[in-house]
């Protein structure tokens, strides 16, 4: 999986980059068709502000998006990954149901 991380208007610590990479690699156990992910981190205001994390996950045939904000970048990343995890599970269930429908239609034909 290709991961692109962007930090807007600040220098990102290496520990944040490692945390993002580790969390996104966990998503591969839910769905193996992940092509890549774009992560954007930014502040609302420079001081005493919320930290935002936006993730765009590209999978075969679909693009999933999750955004979260909190007082800490690591929390924002974790919340975004949880949202993507739920979306991946839902997407995978839809694919399974679609495949079951196709198999039933093929078996029903004389």
C-alpha atoms as a PDB file:
ATOM      1  CA  UNK A   1       0.000   0.000   0.000  1.00  0.00           C
ATOM      2  CA  UNK A   2       1.270   3.446  -0.937  1.00  0.00           C
ATOM      3  CA  UNK A   3       0.937   6.016   1.874  1.00  0.00           C
ATOM      4  CA  UNK A   4       1.269   9.751   1.274  1.00  0.00           C
ATOM      5  CA  UNK A   5       1.379  11.941   4.386  1.00  0.00           C
ATOM      6  CA  UNK A   6       1.065  15.731   4.230  1.00  0.00           C
ATOM      7  CA  UNK A   7       1.477  18.149   7.130  1.00  0.00           C
ATOM      8  CA  UNK A   8       0.053  21.583   6.399  1.00  0.00           C
ATOM      9  CA  UNK A   9       1.755  24.597   7.987  1.00  0.00           C
ATOM     10  CA  UNK A  10       3.892  22.663  10.464  1.00  0.00           C
ATOM     11  CA  UNK A  11       6.774  20.179  10.644  1.00  0.00           C
ATOM     12  CA  UNK A  12       5.622  16.708  11.537  1.00  0.00           C
ATOM     13  CA  UNK A  13       7.548  14.600  14.047  1.00  0.00           C
ATOM     14  CA  UNK A  14       8.818  11.243  12.882  1.00  0.00           C
ATOM     15  CA  UNK A  15       6.870   9.543  15.691  1.00  0.00           C
ATOM     16  CA  UNK A  16       3.577  10.775  14.203  1.00  0.00           C
ATOM     17  CA  UNK A  17       4.594   9.475  10.765  1.00  0.00           C
ATOM     18  CA  UNK A  18       5.471   6.064  12.232  1.00  0.00           C
ATOM     19  CA  UNK A  19       2.167   5.927  14.135  1.00  0.00           C
ATOM     20  CA  UNK A  20       0.185   6.720  10.979  1.00  0.00           C
ATOM     21  CA  UNK A  21       2.031   4.057   8.986  1.00  0.00           C
ATOM     22  CA  UNK A  22       1.538   1.436  11.709  1.00  0.00           C
ATOM     23  CA  UNK A  23      -2.196   2.179  12.037  1.00  0.00           C
ATOM     24  CA  UNK A  24      -2.815   2.129   8.269  1.00  0.00           C
ATOM     25  CA  UNK A  25      -1.024  -1.181   7.870  1.00  0.00           C
ATOM     26  CA  UNK A  26      -3.567  -2.683  10.289  1.00  0.00           C
ATOM     27  CA  UNK A  27      -6.295  -1.938   7.716  1.00  0.00           C
ATOM     28  CA  UNK A  28      -4.775  -4.454   5.304  1.00  0.00           C
ATOM     29  CA  UNK A  29      -6.001  -7.329   7.482  1.00  0.00           C
ATOM     30  CA  UNK A  30      -9.604  -6.239   6.817  1.00  0.00           C
ATOM     31  CA  UNK A  31      -9.321  -5.862   3.038  1.00  0.00           C
ATOM     32  CA  UNK A  32      -6.444  -6.803   0.764  1.00  0.00           C
ATOM     33  CA  UNK A  33      -7.526  -4.632  -2.173  1.00  0.00           C
ATOM     34  CA  UNK A  34      -6.183  -1.372  -0.731  1.00  0.00           C
ATOM     35  CA  UNK A  35      -4.247   0.591  -3.333  1.00  0.00           C
ATOM     36  CA  UNK A  36      -3.110   3.631  -1.361  1.00  0.00           C
ATOM     37  CA  UNK A  37      -3.905   6.227   1.242  1.00  0.00           C
ATOM     38  CA  UNK A  38      -3.499  10.003   1.466  1.00  0.00           C
ATOM     39  CA  UNK A  39      -3.283  11.561   4.932  1.00  0.00           C
ATOM     40  CA  UNK A  40      -3.508  15.301   5.578  1.00  0.00           C
ATOM     41  CA  UNK A  41      -2.803  16.752   9.027  1.00  0.00           C
ATOM     42  CA  UNK A  42      -3.445  20.404   9.859  1.00  0.00           C
ATOM     43  CA  UNK A  43      -4.275  22.864  12.635  1.00  0.00           C
ATOM     44  CA  UNK A  44      -7.443  24.888  12.814  1.00  0.00           C
ATOM     45  CA  UNK A  45      -5.509  27.812  14.307  1.00  0.00           C
ATOM     46  CA  UNK A  46      -1.816  27.929  15.241  1.00  0.00           C
ATOM     47  CA  UNK A  47      -2.315  28.087  19.022  1.00  0.00           C
ATOM     48  CA  UNK A  48      -4.768  26.276  21.319  1.00  0.00           C
ATOM     49  CA  UNK A  49      -6.614  24.689  18.461  1.00  0.00           C
ATOM     50  CA  UNK A  50      -8.054  21.412  17.287  1.00  0.00           C
ATOM     51  CA  UNK A  51      -5.839  19.086  15.304  1.00  0.00           C
ATOM     52  CA  UNK A  52      -7.471  17.712  12.144  1.00  0.00           C
ATOM     53  CA  UNK A  53      -6.738  14.506  10.277  1.00  0.00           C
ATOM     54  CA  UNK A  54      -8.236  13.684   6.879  1.00  0.00           C
ATOM     55  CA  UNK A  55      -7.687  10.310   5.232  1.00  0.00           C
ATOM     56  CA  UNK A  56      -8.585   9.225   1.732  1.00  0.00           C
ATOM     57  CA  UNK A  57      -8.285   5.485   1.176  1.00  0.00           C
ATOM     58  CA  UNK A  58      -8.289   4.138  -2.372  1.00  0.00           C
ATOM     59  CA  UNK A  59      -9.519   0.583  -2.822  1.00  0.00           C
ATOM     60  CA  UNK A  60     -10.483  -1.346  -5.933  1.00  0.00           C
ATOM     61  CA  UNK A  61     -13.538   0.396  -7.355  1.00  0.00           C
ATOM     62  CA  UNK A  62     -14.109   2.825  -4.472  1.00  0.00           C
ATOM     63  CA  UNK A  63     -12.639   5.782  -2.587  1.00  0.00           C
ATOM     64  CA  UNK A  64     -13.266   5.972   1.155  1.00  0.00           C
ATOM     65  CA  UNK A  65     -12.893   9.185   3.184  1.00  0.00           C
ATOM     66  CA  UNK A  66     -12.647   9.817   6.918  1.00  0.00           C
ATOM     67  CA  UNK A  67     -11.957  12.973   8.906  1.00  0.00           C
ATOM     68  CA  UNK A  68     -11.569  13.572  12.620  1.00  0.00           C
ATOM     69  CA  UNK A  69     -10.384  16.273  14.955  1.00  0.00           C
ATOM     70  CA  UNK A  70      -9.259  16.307  18.575  1.00  0.00           C
ATOM     71  CA  UNK A  71      -6.728  17.919  20.900  1.00  0.00           C
ATOM     72  CA  UNK A  72      -3.939  15.602  19.722  1.00  0.00           C
ATOM     73  CA  UNK A  73      -2.839  14.386  16.291  1.00  0.00           C
ATOM     74  CA  UNK A  74      -2.468  10.795  17.475  1.00  0.00           C
ATOM     75  CA  UNK A  75      -6.076  10.731  18.712  1.00  0.00           C
ATOM     76  CA  UNK A  76      -7.265  12.249  15.434  1.00  0.00           C
ATOM     77  CA  UNK A  77      -5.381   9.608  13.462  1.00  0.00           C
ATOM     78  CA  UNK A  78      -6.819   6.806  15.609  1.00  0.00           C
ATOM     79  CA  UNK A  79     -10.388   8.096  15.184  1.00  0.00           C
ATOM     80  CA  UNK A  80      -9.945   8.405  11.410  1.00  0.00           C
ATOM     81  CA  UNK A  81      -8.562   4.869  11.154  1.00  0.00           C
ATOM     82  CA  UNK A  82     -11.534   3.539  13.152  1.00  0.00           C
ATOM     83  CA  UNK A  83     -13.911   5.246  10.724  1.00  0.00           C
ATOM     84  CA  UNK A  84     -12.064   3.787   7.739  1.00  0.00           C
ATOM     85  CA  UNK A  85     -12.152   0.364   9.365  1.00  0.00           C
ATOM     86  CA  UNK A  86     -15.948   0.513   9.646  1.00  0.00           C
ATOM     87  CA  UNK A  87     -16.245   1.702   6.040  1.00  0.00           C
ATOM     88  CA  UNK A  88     -13.958  -1.100   4.812  1.00  0.00           C
ATOM     89  CA  UNK A  89     -16.002  -3.742   6.620  1.00  0.00           C
ATOM     90  CA  UNK A  90     -19.208  -2.341   5.126  1.00  0.00           C
ATOM     91  CA  UNK A  91     -17.674  -2.206   1.638  1.00  0.00           C
ATOM     92  CA  UNK A  92     -16.424  -5.782   1.935  1.00  0.00           C
ATOM     93  CA  UNK A  93     -19.874  -6.975   3.051  1.00  0.00           C
ATOM     94  CA  UNK A  94     -21.423  -5.272   0.017  1.00  0.00           C
ATOM     95  CA  UNK A  95     -18.958  -7.048  -2.278  1.00  0.00           C
ATOM     96  CA  UNK A  96     -19.715 -10.410  -0.662  1.00  0.00           C
ATOM     97  CA  UNK A  97     -23.469  -9.874  -0.986  1.00  0.00           C
ATOM     98  CA  UNK A  98     -23.079  -8.868  -4.623  1.00  0.00           C
ATOM     99  CA  UNK A  99     -21.049 -12.010  -5.353  1.00  0.00           C
ATOM    100  CA  UNK A 100     -23.638 -14.200  -3.606  1.00  0.00           C
ATOM    101  CA  UNK A 101     -26.383 -12.652  -5.739  1.00  0.00           C
ATOM    102  CA  UNK A 102     -24.436 -13.371  -8.947  1.00  0.00           C
ATOM    103  CA  UNK A 103     -23.861 -16.989  -7.923  1.00  0.00           C
ATOM    104  CA  UNK A 104     -27.572 -17.453  -7.115  1.00  0.00           C
ATOM    105  CA  UNK A 105     -28.554 -16.020 -10.500  1.00  0.00           C
ATOM    106  CA  UNK A 106     -26.141 -18.336 -12.323  1.00  0.00           C
ATOM    107  CA  UNK A 107     -27.397 -21.374 -10.402  1.00  0.00           C
ATOM    108  CA  UNK A 108     -31.029 -20.439 -11.020  1.00  0.00           C
ATOM    109  CA  UNK A 109     -30.610 -20.378 -14.833  1.00  0.00           C
ATOM    110  CA  UNK A 110     -31.599 -23.631 -16.551  1.00  0.00           C
END
